[in-house]
């Protein structure tokens, strides 16, 4: 386990990817704002 392991945080950093082990904060914000927009559209 280390740089080559895709499931570890170190491996994600080495590959430059994100996922469940190393989530991307930008994607979280988009998901939250999309949910809020959907709720406000339903209520209006």
PDB file of N, CA and C in Angstrom:
ATOM      1  N   UNK A   1       0.851  -1.187   0.000  1.00  0.00           N
ATOM      2  CA  UNK A   1       0.000   0.000   0.000  1.00  0.00           C
ATOM      3  C   UNK A   1       0.889   1.240   0.000  1.00  0.00           C
ATOM      4  N   UNK A   2       0.554   2.138  -0.858  1.00  0.00           N
ATOM      5  CA  UNK A   2       1.337   3.364  -0.959  1.00  0.00           C
ATOM      6  C   UNK A   2       0.921   4.143  -2.184  1.00  0.00           C
ATOM      7  N   UNK A   3       1.910   4.593  -2.910  1.00  0.00           N
ATOM      8  CA  UNK A   3       1.620   5.434  -4.073  1.00  0.00           C
ATOM      9  C   UNK A   3       0.801   4.741  -5.152  1.00  0.00           C
ATOM     10  N   UNK A   4       1.049   3.465  -5.362  1.00  0.00           N
ATOM     11  CA  UNK A   4       0.366   2.756  -6.441  1.00  0.00           C
ATOM     12  C   UNK A   4      -1.022   2.247  -6.075  1.00  0.00           C
ATOM     13  N   UNK A   5      -1.356   2.274  -4.795  1.00  0.00           N
ATOM     14  CA  UNK A   5      -2.636   1.722  -4.345  1.00  0.00           C
ATOM     15  C   UNK A   5      -3.752   2.738  -4.561  1.00  0.00           C
ATOM     16  N   UNK A   6      -4.712   2.387  -5.385  1.00  0.00           N
ATOM     17  CA  UNK A   6      -5.793   3.308  -5.746  1.00  0.00           C
ATOM     18  C   UNK A   6      -6.745   3.593  -4.588  1.00  0.00           C
ATOM     19  N   UNK A   7      -6.802   2.717  -3.602  1.00  0.00           N
ATOM     20  CA  UNK A   7      -7.779   2.867  -2.526  1.00  0.00           C
ATOM     21  C   UNK A   7      -7.286   3.694  -1.347  1.00  0.00           C
ATOM     22  N   UNK A   8      -6.011   4.067  -1.349  1.00  0.00           N
ATOM     23  CA  UNK A   8      -5.478   4.850  -0.243  1.00  0.00           C
ATOM     24  C   UNK A   8      -5.405   6.321  -0.627  1.00  0.00           C
ATOM     25  N   UNK A   9      -5.385   7.157   0.386  1.00  0.00           N
ATOM     26  CA  UNK A   9      -5.296   8.598   0.153  1.00  0.00           C
ATOM     27  C   UNK A   9      -4.002   8.941  -0.575  1.00  0.00           C
ATOM     28  N   UNK A  10      -2.911   8.298  -0.182  1.00  0.00           N
ATOM     29  CA  UNK A  10      -1.610   8.549  -0.802  1.00  0.00           C
ATOM     30  C   UNK A  10      -1.639   8.150  -2.281  1.00  0.00           C
ATOM     31  N   UNK A  11      -2.296   7.043  -2.575  1.00  0.00           N
ATOM     32  CA  UNK A  11      -2.408   6.589  -3.964  1.00  0.00           C
ATOM     33  C   UNK A  11      -3.239   7.540  -4.803  1.00  0.00           C
ATOM     34  N   UNK A  12      -4.289   8.096  -4.214  1.00  0.00           N
ATOM     35  CA  UNK A  12      -5.126   9.072  -4.919  1.00  0.00           C
ATOM     36  C   UNK A  12      -4.329  10.338  -5.213  1.00  0.00           C
ATOM     37  N   UNK A  13      -3.531  10.770  -4.241  1.00  0.00           N
ATOM     38  CA  UNK A  13      -2.701  11.962  -4.435  1.00  0.00           C
ATOM     39  C   UNK A  13      -1.677  11.705  -5.538  1.00  0.00           C
ATOM     40  N   UNK A  14      -1.082  10.516  -5.529  1.00  0.00           N
ATOM     41  CA  UNK A  14      -0.088  10.154  -6.537  1.00  0.00           C
ATOM     42  C   UNK A  14      -0.665  10.151  -7.946  1.00  0.00           C
ATOM     43  N   UNK A  15      -1.877   9.658  -8.086  1.00  0.00           N
ATOM     44  CA  UNK A  15      -2.528   9.608  -9.394  1.00  0.00           C
ATOM     45  C   UNK A  15      -3.177  10.929  -9.787  1.00  0.00           C
ATOM     46  N   UNK A  16      -3.460  11.756  -8.787  1.00  0.00           N
ATOM     47  CA  UNK A  16      -4.123  13.032  -9.060  1.00  0.00           C
ATOM     48  C   UNK A  16      -5.615  12.871  -9.249  1.00  0.00           C
ATOM     49  N   UNK A  17      -6.185  11.863  -8.601  1.00  0.00           N
ATOM     50  CA  UNK A  17      -7.618  11.616  -8.724  1.00  0.00           C
ATOM     51  C   UNK A  17      -8.301  11.823  -7.381  1.00  0.00           C
ATOM     52  N   UNK A  18      -9.605  11.804  -7.408  1.00  0.00           N
ATOM     53  CA  UNK A  18     -10.376  11.892  -6.173  1.00  0.00           C
ATOM     54  C   UNK A  18     -11.431  10.807  -6.196  1.00  0.00           C
ATOM     55  N   UNK A  19     -12.037  10.570  -5.051  1.00  0.00           N
ATOM     56  CA  UNK A  19     -13.053   9.531  -4.942  1.00  0.00           C
ATOM     57  C   UNK A  19     -13.563   9.469  -3.526  1.00  0.00           C
ATOM     58  N   UNK A  20     -13.991   8.295  -3.095  1.00  0.00           N
ATOM     59  CA  UNK A  20     -14.537   8.149  -1.755  1.00  0.00           C
ATOM     60  C   UNK A  20     -13.455   8.368  -0.692  1.00  0.00           C
ATOM     61  N   UNK A  21     -12.248   7.888  -0.958  1.00  0.00           N
ATOM     62  CA  UNK A  21     -11.150   8.025  -0.001  1.00  0.00           C
ATOM     63  C   UNK A  21     -10.662   9.464   0.089  1.00  0.00           C
ATOM     64  N   UNK A  22     -10.650  10.156  -1.043  1.00  0.00           N
ATOM     65  CA  UNK A  22     -10.160  11.533  -1.086  1.00  0.00           C
ATOM     66  C   UNK A  22     -11.152  12.365  -1.886  1.00  0.00           C
ATOM     67  N   UNK A  23     -12.260  12.783  -1.257  1.00  0.00           N
ATOM     68  CA  UNK A  23     -13.297  13.503  -1.988  1.00  0.00           C
ATOM     69  C   UNK A  23     -12.852  14.878  -2.449  1.00  0.00           C
ATOM     70  N   UNK A  24     -13.461  15.311  -3.534  1.00  0.00           N
ATOM     71  CA  UNK A  24     -13.163  16.622  -4.110  1.00  0.00           C
ATOM     72  C   UNK A  24     -14.158  17.629  -3.543  1.00  0.00           C
ATOM     73  N   UNK A  25     -13.703  18.643  -2.795  1.00  0.00           N
ATOM     74  CA  UNK A  25     -14.630  19.589  -2.167  1.00  0.00           C
ATOM     75  C   UNK A  25     -15.477  20.380  -3.165  1.00  0.00           C
ATOM     76  N   UNK A  26     -14.971  20.610  -4.363  1.00  0.00           N
ATOM     77  CA  UNK A  26     -15.733  21.350  -5.377  1.00  0.00           C
ATOM     78  C   UNK A  26     -17.006  20.600  -5.764  1.00  0.00           C
ATOM     79  N   UNK A  27     -16.904  19.274  -5.878  1.00  0.00           N
ATOM     80  CA  UNK A  27     -18.063  18.475  -6.262  1.00  0.00           C
ATOM     81  C   UNK A  27     -19.115  18.465  -5.166  1.00  0.00           C
ATOM     82  N   UNK A  28     -18.692  18.488  -3.912  1.00  0.00           N
ATOM     83  CA  UNK A  28     -19.649  18.496  -2.808  1.00  0.00           C
ATOM     84  C   UNK A  28     -20.515  19.750  -2.849  1.00  0.00           C
ATOM     85  N   UNK A  29     -19.888  20.898  -3.090  1.00  0.00           N
ATOM     86  CA  UNK A  29     -20.623  22.152  -3.123  1.00  0.00           C
ATOM     87  C   UNK A  29     -21.664  22.149  -4.232  1.00  0.00           C
ATOM     88  N   UNK A  30     -21.298  21.637  -5.402  1.00  0.00           N
ATOM     89  CA  UNK A  30     -22.233  21.591  -6.529  1.00  0.00           C
ATOM     90  C   UNK A  30     -23.440  20.723  -6.198  1.00  0.00           C
ATOM     91  N   UNK A  31     -23.201  19.607  -5.546  1.00  0.00           N
ATOM     92  CA  UNK A  31     -24.291  18.688  -5.193  1.00  0.00           C
ATOM     93  C   UNK A  31     -25.249  19.354  -4.206  1.00  0.00           C
ATOM     94  N   UNK A  32     -24.693  20.068  -3.235  1.00  0.00           N
ATOM     95  CA  UNK A  32     -25.540  20.726  -2.242  1.00  0.00           C
ATOM     96  C   UNK A  32     -26.379  21.819  -2.880  1.00  0.00           C
ATOM     97  N   UNK A  33     -25.779  22.628  -3.748  1.00  0.00           N
ATOM     98  CA  UNK A  33     -26.521  23.724  -4.369  1.00  0.00           C
ATOM     99  C   UNK A  33     -27.578  23.183  -5.325  1.00  0.00           C
ATOM    100  N   UNK A  34     -27.307  22.054  -5.960  1.00  0.00           N
ATOM    101  CA  UNK A  34     -28.287  21.453  -6.861  1.00  0.00           C
ATOM    102  C   UNK A  34     -29.508  20.967  -6.071  1.00  0.00           C
ATOM    103  N   UNK A  35     -29.258  20.398  -4.886  1.00  0.00           N
ATOM    104  CA  UNK A  35     -30.358  19.939  -4.048  1.00  0.00           C
ATOM    105  C   UNK A  35     -31.202  21.116  -3.565  1.00  0.00           C
ATOM    106  N   UNK A  36     -30.530  22.197  -3.173  1.00  0.00           N
ATOM    107  CA  UNK A  36     -31.264  23.381  -2.720  1.00  0.00           C
ATOM    108  C   UNK A  36     -32.113  23.975  -3.841  1.00  0.00           C
ATOM    109  N   UNK A  37     -31.573  24.023  -5.038  1.00  0.00           N
ATOM    110  CA  UNK A  37     -32.293  24.560  -6.182  1.00  0.00           C
ATOM    111  C   UNK A  37     -33.524  23.707  -6.495  1.00  0.00           C
ATOM    112  N   UNK A  38     -33.370  22.394  -6.389  1.00  0.00           N
ATOM    113  CA  UNK A  38     -34.490  21.480  -6.653  1.00  0.00           C
ATOM    114  C   UNK A  38     -35.595  21.666  -5.605  1.00  0.00           C
ATOM    115  N   UNK A  39     -35.208  21.836  -4.352  1.00  0.00           N
ATOM    116  CA  UNK A  39     -36.203  22.033  -3.290  1.00  0.00           C
ATOM    117  C   UNK A  39     -36.949  23.360  -3.478  1.00  0.00           C
ATOM    118  N   UNK A  40     -36.234  24.400  -3.837  1.00  0.00           N
ATOM    119  CA  UNK A  40     -36.881  25.699  -4.007  1.00  0.00           C
ATOM    120  C   UNK A  40     -37.805  25.693  -5.223  1.00  0.00           C
ATOM    121  N   UNK A  41     -37.468  24.922  -6.240  1.00  0.00           N
ATOM    122  CA  UNK A  41     -38.324  24.827  -7.431  1.00  0.00           C
ATOM    123  C   UNK A  41     -39.616  24.072  -7.101  1.00  0.00           C
ATOM    124  N   UNK A  42     -39.533  23.074  -6.243  1.00  0.00           N
ATOM    125  CA  UNK A  42     -40.715  22.312  -5.854  1.00  0.00           C
ATOM    126  C   UNK A  42     -41.657  23.155  -5.010  1.00  0.00           C
ATOM    127  N   UNK A  43     -41.103  23.961  -4.129  1.00  0.00           N
ATOM    128  CA  UNK A  43     -41.908  24.776  -3.226  1.00  0.00           C
ATOM    129  C   UNK A  43     -42.583  25.956  -3.922  1.00  0.00           C
ATOM    130  N   UNK A  44     -41.990  26.445  -4.978  1.00  0.00           N
ATOM    131  CA  UNK A  44     -42.512  27.632  -5.654  1.00  0.00           C
ATOM    132  C   UNK A  44     -43.611  27.317  -6.644  1.00  0.00           C
TER     133      UNK A  44
END
